[in-house]
Amino acid sequence: MKNPLFASRRRQAASVALAAALALGACVHPLAAPRIPNPQPLAPPPACNVALCNISQTTWNDHIDPRHCQGTCEGNNKSIFAAVYCGSLANAIAFCQTLMGRPNCAPVQQPGTRVAYGADFAATVGEDRGNACANTVHGTVIYDTGTGAVVTQFPGNP
């Protein structure tokens, strides 16, 4: 006949051993831990006067003109420029250069290599989708520091 006290102590010892193994398993030896590189501090985005107004004909034809010059403003979907900033790639470049030269131009880092440059103008630049399509004096240029090109531009805030 088996001694019940002995069986109980064996179960208790097994429980303690299991608890210790689980606790040790939760600890990882420092040399076995995955290495996470030291995060590098993000460089501040380039100043407005450093970013170039490189807008390709493709960006103008495929995005800026159809999205921000054609049609009407749509709340929370599409901001529309005033006519003076539309009509040609040259007008789009002039808007970008004017924005980048404004004394109140400010860069804001976006995800990845994109920077949103925003500035207030002395007059209305268009209708802002984020403000119920009301007129706005604020303009935004999205510039990609990785490619050195303007991705888009529009009236209003990003």
C-alpha atoms as a PDB file:
ATOM      1  CA  MET A   1       0.000   0.000   0.000  1.00  0.00           C
ATOM      2  CA  LYS A   2       1.256   3.466  -0.951  1.00  0.00           C
ATOM      3  CA  ASN A   3       1.795   6.078   1.684  1.00  0.00           C
ATOM      4  CA  PRO A   4      -0.618   9.009   0.947  1.00  0.00           C
ATOM      5  CA  LEU A   5       1.677  11.456   2.723  1.00  0.00           C
ATOM      6  CA  PHE A   6       4.578  10.506   0.453  1.00  0.00           C
ATOM      7  CA  ALA A   7       2.415  10.939  -2.699  1.00  0.00           C
ATOM      8  CA  SER A   8       1.246  14.341  -1.493  1.00  0.00           C
ATOM      9  CA  ARG A   9       4.824  15.501  -0.915  1.00  0.00           C
ATOM     10  CA  ARG A  10       5.826  14.227  -4.356  1.00  0.00           C
ATOM     11  CA  ARG A  11       2.980  16.235  -5.966  1.00  0.00           C
ATOM     12  CA  GLN A  12       3.992  19.284  -3.934  1.00  0.00           C
ATOM     13  CA  ALA A  13       7.630  18.933  -5.020  1.00  0.00           C
ATOM     14  CA  ALA A  14       6.517  18.556  -8.651  1.00  0.00           C
ATOM     15  CA  SER A  15       4.360  21.674  -8.343  1.00  0.00           C
ATOM     16  CA  VAL A  16       7.254  23.647  -6.880  1.00  0.00           C
ATOM     17  CA  ALA A  17       9.576  22.399  -9.635  1.00  0.00           C
ATOM     18  CA  LEU A  18       7.027  23.295 -12.312  1.00  0.00           C
ATOM     19  CA  ALA A  19       6.524  26.781 -10.842  1.00  0.00           C
ATOM     20  CA  ALA A  20      10.294  27.328 -10.714  1.00  0.00           C
ATOM     21  CA  ALA A  21      10.700  26.153 -14.314  1.00  0.00           C
ATOM     22  CA  LEU A  22       7.939  28.464 -15.491  1.00  0.00           C
ATOM     23  CA  ALA A  23       9.433  31.384 -13.587  1.00  0.00           C
ATOM     24  CA  LEU A  24      12.895  30.718 -14.993  1.00  0.00           C
ATOM     25  CA  GLY A  25      11.451  30.297 -18.467  1.00  0.00           C
ATOM     26  CA  ALA A  26      10.052  33.810 -18.233  1.00  0.00           C
ATOM     27  CA  CYS A  27      13.552  35.120 -17.634  1.00  0.00           C
ATOM     28  CA  VAL A  28      15.742  35.331 -20.688  1.00  0.00           C
ATOM     29  CA  HIS A  29      19.478  35.419 -20.491  1.00  0.00           C
ATOM     30  CA  PRO A  30      20.689  38.858 -21.637  1.00  0.00           C
ATOM     31  CA  LEU A  31      22.855  37.325 -24.353  1.00  0.00           C
ATOM     32  CA  ALA A  32      19.869  35.422 -25.726  1.00  0.00           C
ATOM     33  CA  ALA A  33      17.585  38.458 -25.840  1.00  0.00           C
ATOM     34  CA  PRO A  34      16.883  39.965 -29.243  1.00  0.00           C
ATOM     35  CA  ARG A  35      19.009  42.996 -29.892  1.00  0.00           C
ATOM     36  CA  ILE A  36      17.186  46.242 -30.497  1.00  0.00           C
ATOM     37  CA  PRO A  37      19.335  48.892 -32.132  1.00  0.00           C
ATOM     38  CA  ASN A  38      19.728  52.137 -30.271  1.00  0.00           C
ATOM     39  CA  PRO A  39      17.117  54.484 -31.675  1.00  0.00           C
ATOM     40  CA  GLN A  40      18.701  57.336 -33.559  1.00  0.00           C
ATOM     41  CA  PRO A  41      17.290  60.768 -32.839  1.00  0.00           C
ATOM     42  CA  LEU A  42      15.186  62.022 -35.727  1.00  0.00           C
ATOM     43  CA  ALA A  43      16.716  64.892 -37.584  1.00  0.00           C
ATOM     44  CA  PRO A  44      14.434  67.897 -37.734  1.00  0.00           C
ATOM     45  CA  PRO A  45      12.667  68.286 -41.079  1.00  0.00           C
ATOM     46  CA  PRO A  46      14.342  70.612 -43.568  1.00  0.00           C
ATOM     47  CA  ALA A  47      13.416  74.269 -43.255  1.00  0.00           C
ATOM     48  CA  CYS A  48      10.947  75.718 -45.739  1.00  0.00           C
ATOM     49  CA  ASN A  49      13.656  77.519 -47.689  1.00  0.00           C
ATOM     50  CA  VAL A  50      15.588  74.261 -48.114  1.00  0.00           C
ATOM     51  CA  ALA A  51      12.853  72.081 -49.625  1.00  0.00           C
ATOM     52  CA  LEU A  52      12.566  72.303 -53.376  1.00  0.00           C
ATOM     53  CA  CYS A  53       9.365  72.801 -55.326  1.00  0.00           C
ATOM     54  CA  ASN A  54      10.047  69.843 -57.608  1.00  0.00           C
ATOM     55  CA  ILE A  55       6.592  68.991 -58.945  1.00  0.00           C
ATOM     56  CA  SER A  56       6.657  66.571 -61.830  1.00  0.00           C
ATOM     57  CA  GLN A  57       4.306  66.837 -64.782  1.00  0.00           C
ATOM     58  CA  THR A  58       2.970  63.420 -63.743  1.00  0.00           C
ATOM     59  CA  THR A  59       2.202  64.586 -60.192  1.00  0.00           C
ATOM     60  CA  TRP A  60       0.445  67.637 -61.637  1.00  0.00           C
ATOM     61  CA  ASN A  61      -1.509  65.641 -64.256  1.00  0.00           C
ATOM     62  CA  ASP A  62      -2.362  62.606 -62.124  1.00  0.00           C
ATOM     63  CA  HIS A  63      -2.962  64.126 -58.705  1.00  0.00           C
ATOM     64  CA  ILE A  64      -2.835  67.864 -58.026  1.00  0.00           C
ATOM     65  CA  ASP A  65      -4.897  69.042 -61.014  1.00  0.00           C
ATOM     66  CA  PRO A  66      -7.654  66.393 -60.918  1.00  0.00           C
ATOM     67  CA  ARG A  67      -7.883  66.243 -57.135  1.00  0.00           C
ATOM     68  CA  HIS A  68      -7.323  69.828 -56.033  1.00  0.00           C
ATOM     69  CA  CYS A  69      -8.253  71.938 -59.078  1.00  0.00           C
ATOM     70  CA  GLN A  70     -11.109  70.127 -60.833  1.00  0.00           C
ATOM     71  CA  GLY A  71     -14.652  69.867 -59.492  1.00  0.00           C
ATOM     72  CA  THR A  72     -15.821  71.162 -56.149  1.00  0.00           C
ATOM     73  CA  CYS A  73     -14.736  70.851 -52.554  1.00  0.00           C
ATOM     74  CA  GLU A  74     -16.069  67.801 -50.727  1.00  0.00           C
ATOM     75  CA  GLY A  75     -16.113  67.879 -46.936  1.00  0.00           C
ATOM     76  CA  ASN A  76     -13.541  65.465 -45.450  1.00  0.00           C
ATOM     77  CA  ASN A  77     -12.577  64.300 -48.936  1.00  0.00           C
ATOM     78  CA  LYS A  78     -11.229  66.939 -51.318  1.00  0.00           C
ATOM     79  CA  SER A  79      -9.937  70.507 -50.902  1.00  0.00           C
ATOM     80  CA  ILE A  80      -9.990  72.767 -53.956  1.00  0.00           C
ATOM     81  CA  PHE A  81      -7.564  75.550 -54.894  1.00  0.00           C
ATOM     82  CA  ALA A  82      -8.619  78.999 -55.998  1.00  0.00           C
ATOM     83  CA  ALA A  83      -8.345  79.269 -59.803  1.00  0.00           C
ATOM     84  CA  VAL A  84      -5.145  81.342 -59.653  1.00  0.00           C
ATOM     85  CA  TYR A  85      -3.217  78.290 -58.381  1.00  0.00           C
ATOM     86  CA  CYS A  86      -4.619  75.972 -61.057  1.00  0.00           C
ATOM     87  CA  GLY A  87      -4.512  75.795 -64.841  1.00  0.00           C
ATOM     88  CA  SER A  88      -0.899  74.732 -65.254  1.00  0.00           C
ATOM     89  CA  LEU A  89       2.100  73.105 -63.661  1.00  0.00           C
ATOM     90  CA  ALA A  90       3.743  76.552 -63.588  1.00  0.00           C
ATOM     91  CA  ASN A  91       0.904  77.869 -61.385  1.00  0.00           C
ATOM     92  CA  ALA A  92       1.303  74.888 -59.025  1.00  0.00           C
ATOM     93  CA  ILE A  93       5.039  75.528 -58.761  1.00  0.00           C
ATOM     94  CA  ALA A  94       4.354  79.224 -58.083  1.00  0.00           C
ATOM     95  CA  PHE A  95       2.019  78.235 -55.209  1.00  0.00           C
ATOM     96  CA  CYS A  96       4.689  75.962 -53.735  1.00  0.00           C
ATOM     97  CA  GLN A  97       7.395  78.622 -54.031  1.00  0.00           C
ATOM     98  CA  THR A  98       5.154  81.252 -52.471  1.00  0.00           C
ATOM     99  CA  LEU A  99       4.281  78.934 -49.566  1.00  0.00           C
ATOM    100  CA  MET A 100       7.925  77.982 -48.972  1.00  0.00           C
ATOM    101  CA  GLY A 101       8.888  81.668 -48.939  1.00  0.00           C
ATOM    102  CA  ARG A 102       6.217  82.766 -46.451  1.00  0.00           C
ATOM    103  CA  PRO A 103       7.675  83.967 -43.129  1.00  0.00           C
ATOM    104  CA  ASN A 104       5.148  81.817 -41.245  1.00  0.00           C
ATOM    105  CA  CYS A 105       5.978  78.636 -43.173  1.00  0.00           C
ATOM    106  CA  ALA A 106       6.467  75.720 -40.775  1.00  0.00           C
ATOM    107  CA  PRO A 107       7.574  72.135 -41.463  1.00  0.00           C
ATOM    108  CA  VAL A 108       5.968  69.192 -39.660  1.00  0.00           C
ATOM    109  CA  GLN A 109       7.460  65.690 -39.982  1.00  0.00           C
ATOM    110  CA  GLN A 110       4.989  63.150 -41.378  1.00  0.00           C
ATOM    111  CA  PRO A 111       5.353  59.345 -41.404  1.00  0.00           C
ATOM    112  CA  GLY A 112       8.429  58.118 -43.242  1.00  0.00           C
ATOM    113  CA  THR A 113      10.329  60.683 -45.263  1.00  0.00           C
ATOM    114  CA  ARG A 114       7.447  63.084 -45.880  1.00  0.00           C
ATOM    115  CA  VAL A 115       7.232  66.590 -44.468  1.00  0.00           C
ATOM    116  CA  ALA A 116       4.124  68.781 -44.453  1.00  0.00           C
ATOM    117  CA  TYR A 117       4.957  72.439 -45.015  1.00  0.00           C
ATOM    118  CA  GLY A 118       2.163  74.800 -44.051  1.00  0.00           C
ATOM    119  CA  ALA A 119       1.740  78.544 -44.174  1.00  0.00           C
ATOM    120  CA  ASP A 120      -0.920  81.219 -44.064  1.00  0.00           C
ATOM    121  CA  PHE A 121      -1.279  83.479 -47.085  1.00  0.00           C
ATOM    122  CA  ALA A 122      -2.512  87.072 -47.234  1.00  0.00           C
ATOM    123  CA  ALA A 123      -5.561  85.989 -49.268  1.00  0.00           C
ATOM    124  CA  THR A 124      -7.784  82.955 -49.790  1.00  0.00           C
ATOM    125  CA  VAL A 125      -5.996  80.025 -51.429  1.00  0.00           C
ATOM    126  CA  GLY A 126      -9.049  77.803 -51.789  1.00  0.00           C
ATOM    127  CA  GLU A 127     -11.665  75.793 -49.944  1.00  0.00           C
ATOM    128  CA  ASP A 128     -10.607  73.523 -47.077  1.00  0.00           C
ATOM    129  CA  ARG A 129     -12.298  70.111 -46.885  1.00  0.00           C
ATOM    130  CA  GLY A 130     -11.402  69.883 -43.185  1.00  0.00           C
ATOM    131  CA  ASN A 131     -13.306  73.083 -42.466  1.00  0.00           C
ATOM    132  CA  ALA A 132     -16.652  72.291 -44.131  1.00  0.00           C
ATOM    133  CA  CYS A 133     -15.305  73.607 -47.454  1.00  0.00           C
ATOM    134  CA  ALA A 134     -15.021  77.150 -46.114  1.00  0.00           C
ATOM    135  CA  ASN A 135     -12.472  79.500 -47.673  1.00  0.00           C
ATOM    136  CA  THR A 136      -9.015  79.226 -46.176  1.00  0.00           C
ATOM    137  CA  VAL A 137      -5.817  81.257 -46.250  1.00  0.00           C
ATOM    138  CA  HIS A 138      -3.765  78.207 -45.164  1.00  0.00           C
ATOM    139  CA  GLY A 139      -1.909  76.080 -47.691  1.00  0.00           C
ATOM    140  CA  THR A 140       0.000  72.818 -47.390  1.00  0.00           C
ATOM    141  CA  VAL A 141       2.764  71.253 -49.481  1.00  0.00           C
ATOM    142  CA  ILE A 142       3.730  67.624 -48.838  1.00  0.00           C
ATOM    143  CA  TYR A 143       7.377  67.089 -49.730  1.00  0.00           C
ATOM    144  CA  ASP A 144       9.239  63.774 -49.727  1.00  0.00           C
ATOM    145  CA  THR A 145      12.794  64.221 -48.442  1.00  0.00           C
ATOM    146  CA  GLY A 146      13.657  60.756 -49.757  1.00  0.00           C
ATOM    147  CA  THR A 147      12.899  61.627 -53.386  1.00  0.00           C
ATOM    148  CA  GLY A 148      13.328  65.400 -53.197  1.00  0.00           C
ATOM    149  CA  ALA A 149       9.933  65.928 -54.816  1.00  0.00           C
ATOM    150  CA  VAL A 150       6.556  67.393 -53.941  1.00  0.00           C
ATOM    151  CA  VAL A 151       3.984  64.619 -53.491  1.00  0.00           C
ATOM    152  CA  THR A 152       0.937  66.885 -53.302  1.00  0.00           C
ATOM    153  CA  GLN A 153      -0.250  70.311 -52.258  1.00  0.00           C
ATOM    154  CA  PHE A 154      -3.644  71.655 -51.285  1.00  0.00           C
ATOM    155  CA  PRO A 155      -5.495  74.427 -49.465  1.00  0.00           C
ATOM    156  CA  GLY A 156      -6.009  73.776 -45.748  1.00  0.00           C
ATOM    157  CA  ASN A 157      -4.243  71.662 -43.144  1.00  0.00           C
ATOM    158  CA  PRO A 158      -2.889  68.147 -43.630  1.00  0.00           C
END
